[in-house]
Amino acid sequence: MTVPDLLYPIAGLVVLVVLLVLLVTSRYKVAGPNQAFIVTGRKGKAVLNPETGQLTTDLSGQKVVLGGGSFVIPFVQRLATMDLSSRRISVQIRGAVSGQGIKLNVEGVAIVKVGGNANQIRLAAQRFLSQQNEIEPFTQEVLAGALRSIVGGLTVEQIIRDRAAFAQRVADESENSLTGQGLILDTFQIQDVTDDGSYLADLGRPEAARIGQTAAIAEANARQAAEQARIKSEEEIAVAQRQLALRQAEIKSETDAAAARAASAGPLAQADRDQAILLEQEKVAVRQAALTERQLETQVRKPADANRYKVEQEAAAARNAQISAAEARKAATIAAAQAKSEEDRLTGEAERARRSSLAEAEAIEGAKRGEAAKARRVAEAEATRAEGEANAAATLAVGQAEAEAMNKRAEAFANYNEAAVLQMLIEVLPQIAKEVAAPISAIDQLTVISSDGAGALPRQVTDNVTQTLQMLKSATGLDLEALVARSAGRVSQGLTSAAASGSVNGDGAAR
């Protein structure tokens, strides 16, 4: 046999072994910690029901694997997986009627999982294997029914005050229903209990008020205690500060005294030394003074006494000589003074006579000047009086002339008839119209806003003249319009009479 012939069987054997290993590896399943494998394919044991006598097959043919591995025979066995993880399920019911007839809204949370033994896993697999997501709705319905049942048998106070017992009763109530489905209720907690009205709020109001009152009292007591503690602490601090200030003052006083003593020690010692030096100097000065006095006595005083005696003698001789000379000068001076006095007397009398003559001449000249001034003032007064009398006479003549003119004018006006007055007023009317139109004539540009156009301007001037005549009537009582009307009436009557007389004369001539 050749080498290739020997290798072919070995290669086939190796391939077969590899295929067997791959088959075993692919068909051997290991369950996770939260998984349960259910291997079906074997027949269960026959079980006879003693009551009915019916023969059935149990579930022992379903192999349950927890946390281990199992080989699944191809084509004979089948593997299914059941999730053992816990499920958090929220439960809410609304309008559940309590034993007092109060409608409550209850919210709770349940933790549910598939049972941990083979029988519970088989039961859960029978009901939820192909629809494991239905575990949560089923559990919610069971717990909601249990909640409503338990709430109907309890008061609101029991539900609120003992939630643990309430939750335990709900768990006990639903345990049978869940266990029969292979489920286990790990825990159930009541989260919230509310109502649609105000029963719960009113239920807690007395307690809240009491607690609030207690809290307020406690807070007030705490504030009082804190304030008292603060005041006591401040008092203690103040006492300590006072003691500290006193102690600091004592220490400062002692320190200042010691510093003063230390500062004065040097000057006192220096003063003592200076005093001792002064005493020694005084002794030396006394000895020096005695020595100097003896020297002065010997060197100065005795020669001075000799000199003084000499000077005194010389001075006495000089004084005697001067006295003699002074007496001679005195006699000469007295004689000269007497001569000068006589000369001054004669000179004074002459000067007095001269001054008296001058005074008399000045007095006569002053009197003449006074009389001249008096005459001048009299002349000026006479001129002023004459001028005043002339002015008064002129003023009197002007007044008399004006009065006479006024009288003449009054007599003339009294003799005027209405025609003359009318003539004067007619002469004045153009001047009145001119003065009335003067403000308008001073306008550079004038814009007339009127439906009458520019014709409104003359009408305005006419109205102003009419108002002026009305003011004249109100002020003087003279009705110029009535006067003109009367004059016009008389003129028209005269014309009518003249026309009538003319026609009569014509008729007579004709005849």
Protein backbone atom coordinates (compact mmCIF):
# COMPACT_ATOMS: atom_id res chain seq x y z
CA MET A 1 0.00 0.00 0.00
CA THR A 2 1.11 3.45 -0.80
CA VAL A 3 1.20 6.43 1.59
CA PRO A 4 -1.84 8.14 0.08
CA ASP A 5 -3.83 4.99 0.57
CA LEU A 6 -3.00 5.04 4.26
CA LEU A 7 -3.82 8.75 4.72
CA TYR A 8 -7.34 8.63 3.29
CA PRO A 9 -8.91 6.57 6.17
CA ILE A 10 -7.15 8.70 8.79
CA ALA A 11 -8.40 11.94 7.21
CA GLY A 12 -11.94 10.59 7.08
CA LEU A 13 -11.74 9.60 10.72
CA VAL A 14 -10.49 13.04 11.71
CA VAL A 15 -13.29 14.71 9.78
CA LEU A 16 -15.82 12.50 11.47
CA VAL A 17 -14.44 13.32 14.89
CA VAL A 18 -14.54 17.04 14.11
CA LEU A 19 -18.12 16.79 12.93
CA LEU A 20 -19.10 14.93 16.10
CA VAL A 21 -17.38 17.58 18.25
CA LEU A 22 -19.14 20.38 16.38
CA LEU A 23 -22.47 18.64 16.76
CA VAL A 24 -22.02 18.08 20.46
CA THR A 25 -20.81 21.68 20.94
CA SER A 26 -23.75 23.17 19.05
CA ARG A 27 -26.33 21.07 20.86
CA TYR A 28 -24.97 21.48 24.40
CA LYS A 29 -26.65 24.50 26.03
CA VAL A 30 -25.66 26.24 29.28
CA ALA A 31 -28.25 28.33 31.17
CA GLY A 32 -27.40 31.82 32.43
CA PRO A 33 -27.90 32.92 36.04
CA ASN A 34 -31.30 34.50 35.20
CA GLN A 35 -32.43 31.80 32.83
CA ALA A 36 -34.13 28.43 33.10
CA PHE A 37 -33.94 25.85 30.29
CA ILE A 38 -36.94 23.65 29.70
CA VAL A 39 -36.09 20.57 27.62
CA THR A 40 -39.07 18.74 26.25
CA GLY A 41 -39.29 15.51 24.27
CA ARG A 42 -39.59 12.86 26.92
CA LYS A 43 -42.82 11.39 28.04
CA GLY A 44 -44.02 12.08 31.53
CA LYS A 45 -45.14 9.59 34.11
CA ALA A 46 -48.70 8.31 34.13
CA VAL A 47 -50.74 9.57 37.05
CA LEU A 48 -54.11 8.16 38.10
CA ASN A 49 -56.60 10.57 39.58
CA PRO A 50 -58.08 8.74 42.60
CA GLU A 51 -61.23 10.80 42.57
CA THR A 52 -62.12 10.53 38.92
CA GLY A 53 -60.04 7.46 38.03
CA GLN A 54 -58.72 9.33 35.00
CA LEU A 55 -55.19 8.51 33.87
CA THR A 56 -53.05 11.57 32.97
CA THR A 57 -49.41 12.30 32.33
CA ASP A 58 -47.48 14.53 34.75
CA LEU A 59 -44.89 17.15 33.87
CA SER A 60 -41.87 15.08 34.77
CA GLY A 61 -41.07 14.67 31.09
CA GLN A 62 -40.17 18.40 30.97
CA LYS A 63 -36.57 18.72 32.13
CA VAL A 64 -35.79 22.02 33.91
CA VAL A 65 -32.18 23.18 33.94
CA LEU A 66 -31.16 26.01 36.35
CA GLY A 67 -27.62 27.40 36.19
CA GLY A 68 -26.30 24.27 34.45
CA GLY A 69 -25.98 22.73 31.01
CA SER A 70 -27.87 20.09 29.03
CA PHE A 71 -27.35 18.27 25.75
CA VAL A 72 -30.32 18.56 23.46
CA ILE A 73 -30.74 15.57 21.22
CA PRO A 74 -31.46 16.69 17.69
CA PHE A 75 -34.86 15.89 16.28
CA VAL A 76 -35.89 14.33 19.59
CA GLN A 77 -35.72 17.08 22.17
CA ARG A 78 -36.50 20.78 22.09
CA LEU A 79 -35.06 23.60 24.21
CA ALA A 80 -37.06 26.61 25.53
CA THR A 81 -35.77 29.51 27.68
CA MET A 82 -37.66 31.09 30.58
CA ASP A 83 -36.51 34.53 31.89
CA LEU A 84 -36.20 34.49 35.69
CA SER A 85 -35.42 38.22 36.07
CA SER A 86 -37.46 40.27 38.51
CA ARG A 87 -40.05 42.59 36.99
CA ARG A 88 -41.00 46.00 38.46
CA ILE A 89 -44.72 46.49 37.99
CA SER A 90 -46.64 49.70 38.78
CA VAL A 91 -50.18 49.25 40.05
CA GLN A 92 -52.72 52.10 40.04
CA ILE A 93 -56.38 52.07 40.95
CA ARG A 94 -58.74 55.04 40.91
CA GLY A 95 -62.05 55.46 42.67
CA ALA A 96 -61.62 52.52 45.04
CA VAL A 97 -64.32 52.85 47.74
CA SER A 98 -63.10 52.46 51.32
CA GLY A 99 -65.08 51.04 54.20
CA GLN A 100 -66.31 54.62 54.95
CA GLY A 101 -67.50 55.19 51.41
CA ILE A 102 -64.59 57.50 50.51
CA LYS A 103 -63.25 57.11 46.98
CA LEU A 104 -59.48 56.73 47.02
CA ASN A 105 -56.74 56.62 44.42
CA VAL A 106 -53.98 54.14 45.32
CA GLU A 107 -50.59 53.75 43.68
CA GLY A 108 -48.23 50.88 44.44
CA VAL A 109 -45.14 49.07 43.14
CA ALA A 110 -44.70 45.27 43.01
CA ILE A 111 -41.62 43.16 42.31
CA VAL A 112 -42.64 39.89 40.59
CA LYS A 113 -40.56 37.04 39.20
CA VAL A 114 -40.97 33.43 38.03
CA GLY A 115 -40.66 30.90 40.83
CA GLY A 116 -37.26 29.36 41.52
CA ASN A 117 -38.15 25.65 41.62
CA ALA A 118 -38.87 23.21 38.79
CA ASN A 119 -42.62 22.98 39.39
CA GLN A 120 -43.14 26.78 39.39
CA ILE A 121 -41.00 27.14 36.29
CA ARG A 122 -43.05 24.44 34.52
CA LEU A 123 -46.32 26.21 35.55
CA ALA A 124 -45.02 29.59 34.34
CA ALA A 125 -43.76 27.99 31.11
CA GLN A 126 -47.17 26.44 30.44
CA ARG A 127 -48.85 29.86 30.70
CA PHE A 128 -46.26 32.48 29.67
CA LEU A 129 -43.45 30.76 27.71
CA SER A 130 -44.52 32.07 24.33
CA GLN A 131 -45.84 35.37 25.75
CA GLN A 132 -43.59 36.33 28.63
CA ASN A 133 -44.47 40.01 28.12
CA GLU A 134 -47.97 39.18 29.41
CA ILE A 135 -46.65 38.57 32.92
CA GLU A 136 -46.83 42.28 33.77
CA PRO A 137 -50.47 42.93 32.65
CA PHE A 138 -51.59 39.73 34.40
CA THR A 139 -49.85 40.74 37.64
CA GLN A 140 -51.31 44.30 37.43
CA GLU A 141 -54.84 42.92 37.11
CA VAL A 142 -54.39 40.52 40.02
CA LEU A 143 -52.91 43.17 42.30
CA ALA A 144 -55.52 45.78 41.30
CA GLY A 145 -58.30 43.38 42.21
CA ALA A 146 -56.64 42.58 45.52
CA LEU A 147 -56.18 46.31 46.23
CA ARG A 148 -59.82 47.13 45.61
CA SER A 149 -60.87 44.18 47.78
CA ILE A 150 -58.66 45.19 50.69
CA VAL A 151 -59.51 48.94 50.42
CA GLY A 152 -63.23 48.12 50.66
CA GLY A 153 -62.67 46.51 54.06
CA LEU A 154 -60.52 49.19 55.66
CA THR A 155 -61.01 52.78 56.80
CA VAL A 156 -59.01 55.62 55.37
CA GLU A 157 -57.18 56.06 58.67
CA GLN A 158 -56.11 52.37 58.67
CA ILE A 159 -54.86 52.63 55.11
CA ILE A 160 -52.91 55.82 55.78
CA ARG A 161 -51.45 55.00 59.19
CA ASP A 162 -50.45 51.34 58.60
CA ARG A 163 -49.36 51.07 55.00
CA ALA A 164 -47.10 48.08 55.70
CA ALA A 165 -49.98 45.99 57.03
CA PHE A 166 -52.15 47.17 54.13
CA ALA A 167 -49.49 46.13 51.61
CA GLN A 168 -49.01 42.76 53.35
CA ARG A 169 -52.73 42.05 53.16
CA VAL A 170 -52.69 42.85 49.43
CA ALA A 171 -49.71 40.48 48.97
CA ASP A 172 -51.45 37.73 50.92
CA GLU A 173 -54.65 38.24 48.94
CA SER A 174 -52.91 37.93 45.57
CA GLU A 175 -50.40 35.23 46.53
CA ASN A 176 -52.62 32.27 45.64
CA SER A 177 -53.50 33.69 42.24
CA LEU A 178 -49.87 34.39 41.40
CA THR A 179 -48.50 31.10 42.77
CA GLY A 180 -50.93 29.13 40.66
CA GLN A 181 -49.39 30.79 37.60
CA GLY A 182 -45.80 30.01 38.68
CA LEU A 183 -45.14 33.58 39.82
CA ILE A 184 -43.80 34.86 43.13
CA LEU A 185 -44.51 38.30 44.58
CA ASP A 186 -41.19 39.40 46.11
CA THR A 187 -42.45 42.67 47.55
CA PHE A 188 -45.31 45.11 47.31
CA GLN A 189 -45.18 48.75 48.49
CA ILE A 190 -47.90 51.41 48.66
CA GLN A 191 -46.47 54.61 47.15
CA ASP A 192 -49.33 57.08 47.41
CA VAL A 193 -52.92 57.33 48.57
CA THR A 194 -55.00 60.31 47.38
CA ASP A 195 -58.63 61.27 46.97
CA ASP A 196 -60.50 63.51 44.58
CA GLY A 197 -61.97 65.58 47.42
CA SER A 198 -60.49 67.13 50.55
CA TYR A 199 -61.01 64.30 53.01
CA LEU A 200 -57.35 63.43 53.36
CA ALA A 201 -56.36 67.10 53.64
CA ASP A 202 -59.02 67.67 56.31
CA LEU A 203 -57.95 64.49 58.05
CA GLY A 204 -54.44 65.76 58.53
CA ARG A 205 -55.35 69.37 59.27
CA PRO A 206 -55.84 69.01 63.08
CA GLU A 207 -52.60 67.13 63.40
CA ALA A 208 -50.86 69.63 61.13
CA ALA A 209 -52.25 72.49 63.23
CA ARG A 210 -51.11 70.79 66.42
CA ILE A 211 -47.71 70.09 64.97
CA GLY A 212 -47.52 73.65 63.65
CA GLN A 213 -48.45 74.99 67.06
CA THR A 214 -45.90 72.73 68.72
CA ALA A 215 -43.31 73.78 66.17
CA ALA A 216 -44.12 77.47 66.67
CA ILE A 217 -43.88 77.07 70.46
CA ALA A 218 -40.65 75.17 70.11
CA GLU A 219 -39.30 77.77 67.72
CA ALA A 220 -40.30 80.59 70.07
CA ASN A 221 -38.72 78.75 73.00
CA ALA A 222 -35.62 78.16 70.91
CA ARG A 223 -35.47 81.83 69.95
CA GLN A 224 -36.01 82.82 73.58
CA ALA A 225 -33.32 80.43 74.75
CA ALA A 226 -30.99 81.59 72.00
CA GLU A 227 -31.66 85.25 72.88
CA GLN A 228 -31.10 84.56 76.58
CA ALA A 229 -27.93 82.65 75.74
CA ARG A 230 -26.79 85.52 73.53
CA ILE A 231 -27.53 88.10 76.26
CA LYS A 232 -25.75 85.97 78.85
CA SER A 233 -22.83 85.49 76.50
CA GLU A 234 -22.66 89.22 75.82
CA GLU A 235 -22.80 89.91 79.57
CA GLU A 236 -19.97 87.44 80.15
CA ILE A 237 -18.03 89.00 77.29
CA ALA A 238 -18.63 92.48 78.73
CA VAL A 239 -17.49 91.33 82.20
CA ALA A 240 -14.43 89.70 80.70
CA GLN A 241 -13.69 92.81 78.66
CA ARG A 242 -14.10 94.99 81.76
CA GLN A 243 -11.74 92.73 83.75
CA LEU A 244 -9.33 92.74 80.84
CA ALA A 245 -9.51 96.54 80.58
CA LEU A 246 -8.92 96.89 84.36
CA ARG A 247 -6.03 94.47 84.24
CA GLN A 248 -4.58 96.23 81.21
CA ALA A 249 -4.94 99.57 83.03
CA GLU A 250 -3.14 98.15 86.11
CA ILE A 251 -0.39 96.71 83.98
CA LYS A 252 -0.08 99.96 82.05
CA SER A 253 0.04 101.96 85.29
CA GLU A 254 2.76 99.71 86.69
CA THR A 255 4.61 99.81 83.38
CA ASP A 256 4.32 103.61 83.17
CA ALA A 257 5.51 103.97 86.77
CA ALA A 258 8.46 101.69 86.13
CA ALA A 259 9.20 103.52 82.87
CA ALA A 260 8.97 106.87 84.70
CA ARG A 261 11.30 105.60 87.42
CA ALA A 262 13.68 104.27 84.83
CA ALA A 263 13.45 107.48 82.85
CA SER A 264 14.02 109.66 85.94
CA ALA A 265 16.84 107.53 87.35
CA GLY A 266 19.34 108.92 84.89
CA PRO A 267 18.40 112.61 85.35
CA LEU A 268 18.37 112.17 89.17
CA ALA A 269 21.82 110.62 89.15
CA GLN A 270 22.99 113.34 86.78
CA ALA A 271 21.43 115.97 89.06
CA ASP A 272 23.22 114.48 92.06
CA ARG A 273 26.48 114.55 90.18
CA ASP A 274 25.83 118.11 88.98
CA GLN A 275 25.01 119.21 92.55
CA ALA A 276 28.22 117.73 93.85
CA ILE A 277 30.12 119.43 91.05
CA LEU A 278 28.37 122.73 91.83
CA LEU A 279 29.29 122.43 95.51
CA GLU A 280 32.93 121.91 94.61
CA GLN A 281 32.77 124.76 92.13
CA GLU A 282 31.18 126.97 94.78
CA LYS A 283 34.02 126.21 97.19
CA VAL A 284 36.54 127.01 94.47
CA ALA A 285 34.66 130.22 93.63
CA VAL A 286 34.66 131.30 97.30
CA ARG A 287 38.39 130.77 97.52
CA GLN A 288 38.88 132.54 94.20
CA ALA A 289 36.69 135.46 95.40
CA ALA A 290 38.73 135.80 98.58
CA LEU A 291 41.91 135.73 96.55
CA THR A 292 40.53 138.27 94.08
CA GLU A 293 39.36 140.54 96.90
CA ARG A 294 42.81 140.51 98.44
CA GLN A 295 44.31 141.21 95.02
CA LEU A 296 41.84 144.10 94.50
CA GLU A 297 42.63 145.46 97.94
CA THR A 298 46.30 145.43 97.17
CA GLN A 299 46.36 146.25 93.48
CA VAL A 300 43.22 148.36 92.84
CA ARG A 301 41.55 149.75 95.95
CA LYS A 302 44.51 151.35 97.62
CA PRO A 303 45.80 152.94 94.36
CA ALA A 304 42.22 153.98 93.59
CA ASP A 305 41.84 155.63 96.95
CA ALA A 306 44.97 157.59 96.26
CA ASN A 307 43.80 158.55 92.83
CA ARG A 308 40.37 159.43 94.19
CA TYR A 309 41.87 161.76 96.78
CA LYS A 310 43.93 163.34 94.05
CA VAL A 311 40.95 163.74 91.79
CA GLU A 312 38.79 165.10 94.59
CA GLN A 313 41.36 167.73 95.33
CA GLU A 314 41.69 168.62 91.70
CA ALA A 315 37.91 168.68 91.26
CA ALA A 316 37.44 170.92 94.28
CA ALA A 317 39.93 173.38 92.86
CA ALA A 318 38.25 173.22 89.43
CA ARG A 319 34.81 173.63 91.03
CA ASN A 320 35.87 176.68 92.90
CA ALA A 321 37.27 178.13 89.70
CA GLN A 322 34.12 177.29 87.80
CA ILE A 323 31.93 178.81 90.52
CA SER A 324 33.80 182.00 90.29
CA ALA A 325 33.55 182.01 86.49
CA ALA A 326 29.84 181.16 86.67
CA GLU A 327 29.09 183.99 89.06
CA ALA A 328 30.86 186.35 86.68
CA ARG A 329 28.90 184.98 83.69
CA LYS A 330 25.69 185.22 85.77
CA ALA A 331 26.16 188.87 86.45
CA ALA A 332 26.90 189.50 82.77
CA THR A 333 23.89 187.47 81.65
CA ILE A 334 21.57 189.32 84.06
CA ALA A 335 22.67 192.64 82.70
CA ALA A 336 22.24 191.45 79.10
CA ALA A 337 18.79 190.04 79.89
CA GLN A 338 17.63 193.24 81.48
CA ALA A 339 18.76 195.18 78.39
CA LYS A 340 17.08 192.66 76.08
CA SER A 341 13.86 192.81 78.11
CA GLU A 342 13.67 196.52 77.83
CA GLU A 343 14.33 196.31 74.10
CA ASP A 344 11.60 193.66 73.68
CA ARG A 345 9.13 195.75 75.66
CA LEU A 346 9.65 198.72 73.41
CA THR A 347 9.47 196.52 70.29
CA GLY A 348 6.20 194.82 71.53
CA GLU A 349 4.42 198.08 72.11
CA ALA A 350 5.26 199.23 68.58
CA GLU A 351 4.07 195.90 67.11
CA ARG A 352 0.86 196.05 69.15
CA ALA A 353 0.09 199.50 67.87
CA ARG A 354 0.74 198.41 64.29
CA ARG A 355 -1.55 195.33 64.64
CA SER A 356 -4.33 197.41 66.20
CA SER A 357 -4.23 199.82 63.26
CA LEU A 358 -4.36 196.91 60.81
CA ALA A 359 -7.33 195.34 62.68
CA GLU A 360 -9.27 198.56 62.63
CA ALA A 361 -8.62 199.00 58.89
CA GLU A 362 -9.70 195.38 58.20
CA ALA A 363 -12.88 195.91 60.30
CA ILE A 364 -13.80 199.02 58.34
CA GLU A 365 -13.13 197.20 55.04
CA GLY A 366 -15.26 194.18 56.18
CA ALA A 367 -18.14 196.43 57.13
CA LYS A 368 -18.01 198.02 53.73
CA ARG A 369 -17.94 194.64 52.03
CA GLY A 370 -20.96 193.46 54.12
CA GLU A 371 -22.97 196.54 53.19
CA ALA A 372 -22.12 196.02 49.52
CA ALA A 373 -23.20 192.33 49.69
CA LYS A 374 -26.37 193.33 51.50
CA ALA A 375 -27.17 195.91 48.83
CA ARG A 376 -26.50 193.33 46.10
CA ARG A 377 -28.77 190.74 47.75
CA VAL A 378 -31.53 193.36 48.20
CA ALA A 379 -31.26 194.25 44.53
CA GLU A 380 -31.41 190.56 43.52
CA ALA A 381 -34.49 190.04 45.75
CA GLU A 382 -36.19 193.06 44.22
CA ALA A 383 -35.42 191.75 40.70
CA THR A 384 -36.76 188.27 41.57
CA ARG A 385 -39.94 189.76 43.03
CA ALA A 386 -40.46 191.92 39.96
CA GLU A 387 -39.89 188.91 37.67
CA GLY A 388 -42.41 186.85 39.69
CA GLU A 389 -45.00 189.60 39.54
CA ALA A 390 -44.47 189.87 35.76
CA ASN A 391 -44.85 186.08 35.31
CA ALA A 392 -47.99 186.11 37.47
CA ALA A 393 -49.46 188.98 35.46
CA ALA A 394 -48.62 187.16 32.19
CA THR A 395 -50.17 183.92 33.44
CA LEU A 396 -53.24 185.83 34.60
CA ALA A 397 -53.55 187.54 31.22
CA VAL A 398 -53.20 184.17 29.38
CA GLY A 399 -55.81 182.57 31.65
CA GLN A 400 -58.19 185.46 31.20
CA ALA A 401 -57.67 185.33 27.41
CA GLU A 402 -58.25 181.54 27.33
CA ALA A 403 -61.34 181.90 29.56
CA GLU A 404 -62.68 184.66 27.35
CA ALA A 405 -61.98 182.48 24.26
CA MET A 406 -63.75 179.55 25.89
CA ASN A 407 -66.70 181.79 26.73
CA LYS A 408 -66.79 183.04 23.16
CA ARG A 409 -66.58 179.46 21.90
CA ALA A 410 -69.37 178.39 24.25
CA GLU A 411 -71.51 181.32 23.08
CA ALA A 412 -70.79 180.39 19.48
CA PHE A 413 -71.65 176.69 20.12
CA ALA A 414 -74.82 177.80 21.88
CA ASN A 415 -75.74 179.85 18.81
CA TYR A 416 -74.95 176.92 16.47
CA ASN A 417 -77.93 175.05 15.16
CA GLU A 418 -78.00 171.41 14.17
CA ALA A 419 -76.88 172.29 10.65
CA ALA A 420 -73.63 173.82 11.93
CA VAL A 421 -72.95 170.85 14.23
CA LEU A 422 -73.67 168.48 11.35
CA GLN A 423 -71.28 170.43 9.14
CA MET A 424 -68.50 170.15 11.72
CA LEU A 425 -69.07 166.42 12.24
CA ILE A 426 -69.11 165.81 8.48
CA GLU A 427 -65.73 167.55 8.27
CA VAL A 428 -64.41 165.32 11.05
CA LEU A 429 -65.81 162.02 9.68
CA PRO A 430 -63.06 161.51 7.04
CA GLN A 431 -60.45 161.90 9.78
CA ILE A 432 -62.31 159.33 11.92
CA ALA A 433 -62.45 156.90 8.98
CA LYS A 434 -58.73 157.47 8.37
CA GLU A 435 -57.86 156.67 12.00
CA VAL A 436 -60.14 153.59 11.94
CA ALA A 437 -58.44 152.31 8.76
CA ALA A 438 -54.93 153.16 9.99
CA PRO A 439 -54.26 149.67 11.51
CA ILE A 440 -55.31 148.01 8.27
CA SER A 441 -53.18 150.37 6.14
CA ALA A 442 -50.09 149.36 8.19
CA ILE A 443 -50.44 145.72 7.07
CA ASP A 444 -48.00 144.67 4.30
CA GLN A 445 -49.81 141.56 3.12
CA LEU A 446 -53.36 140.67 4.08
CA THR A 447 -55.08 137.36 3.42
CA VAL A 448 -58.87 137.56 3.67
CA ILE A 449 -60.57 134.27 4.57
CA SER A 450 -64.24 134.91 3.82
CA SER A 451 -66.93 133.72 1.50
CA ASP A 452 -67.40 137.37 0.41
CA GLY A 453 -63.86 137.66 -0.94
CA ALA A 454 -62.11 141.03 -0.94
CA GLY A 455 -65.46 142.82 -0.39
CA ALA A 456 -65.21 141.87 3.28
CA LEU A 457 -62.43 144.44 3.84
CA PRO A 458 -64.49 147.62 3.12
CA ARG A 459 -67.33 146.14 5.10
CA GLN A 460 -64.96 145.66 8.03
CA VAL A 461 -63.94 149.36 7.82
CA THR A 462 -67.61 150.40 7.66
CA ASP A 463 -68.36 148.25 10.71
CA ASN A 464 -65.49 149.90 12.57
CA VAL A 465 -66.90 153.39 11.74
CA THR A 466 -70.36 152.29 12.87
CA GLN A 467 -68.91 150.97 16.16
CA THR A 468 -67.07 154.28 16.60
CA LEU A 469 -70.30 156.26 16.14
CA GLN A 470 -72.02 153.96 18.62
CA MET A 471 -69.21 154.55 21.14
CA LEU A 472 -69.60 158.34 20.54
CA LYS A 473 -73.32 158.08 21.27
CA SER A 474 -72.66 156.05 24.46
CA ALA A 475 -70.02 158.49 25.68
CA THR A 476 -71.54 161.89 24.78
CA GLY A 477 -75.21 161.14 24.17
CA LEU A 478 -74.90 162.61 20.65
CA ASP A 479 -76.68 160.40 18.10
CA LEU A 480 -74.93 161.29 14.87
CA GLU A 481 -77.06 158.90 12.78
CA ALA A 482 -80.31 160.47 14.05
CA LEU A 483 -78.91 163.95 13.41
CA VAL A 484 -77.98 163.07 9.83
CA ALA A 485 -81.37 161.42 9.33
CA ARG A 486 -83.21 164.54 10.57
CA SER A 487 -81.14 166.84 8.36
CA ALA A 488 -81.71 164.61 5.36
CA GLY A 489 -85.47 164.65 6.08
CA ARG A 490 -85.54 168.44 6.23
CA VAL A 491 -83.56 168.72 3.01
CA SER A 492 -85.93 166.35 1.21
CA GLN A 493 -88.94 168.30 2.54
CA GLY A 494 -87.41 171.57 1.31
CA LEU A 495 -86.82 170.09 -2.13
CA THR A 496 -90.37 168.82 -2.24
CA SER A 497 -91.76 172.23 -1.24
CA ALA A 498 -89.59 173.99 -3.83
CA ALA A 499 -90.72 171.61 -6.51
CA ALA A 500 -94.34 172.13 -5.54
CA SER A 501 -94.04 175.94 -5.55
CA GLY A 502 -92.26 175.79 -8.90
CA SER A 503 -95.05 173.82 -10.39
CA VAL A 504 -97.63 176.25 -9.01
CA ASN A 505 -95.73 179.18 -10.42
CA GLY A 506 -95.53 177.47 -13.74
CA ASP A 507 -99.25 176.85 -13.79
CA GLY A 508 -99.92 180.52 -12.98
CA ALA A 509 -97.64 181.68 -15.73
CA ALA A 510 -99.31 179.32 -18.06
CA ARG A 511 -102.64 180.74 -17.19
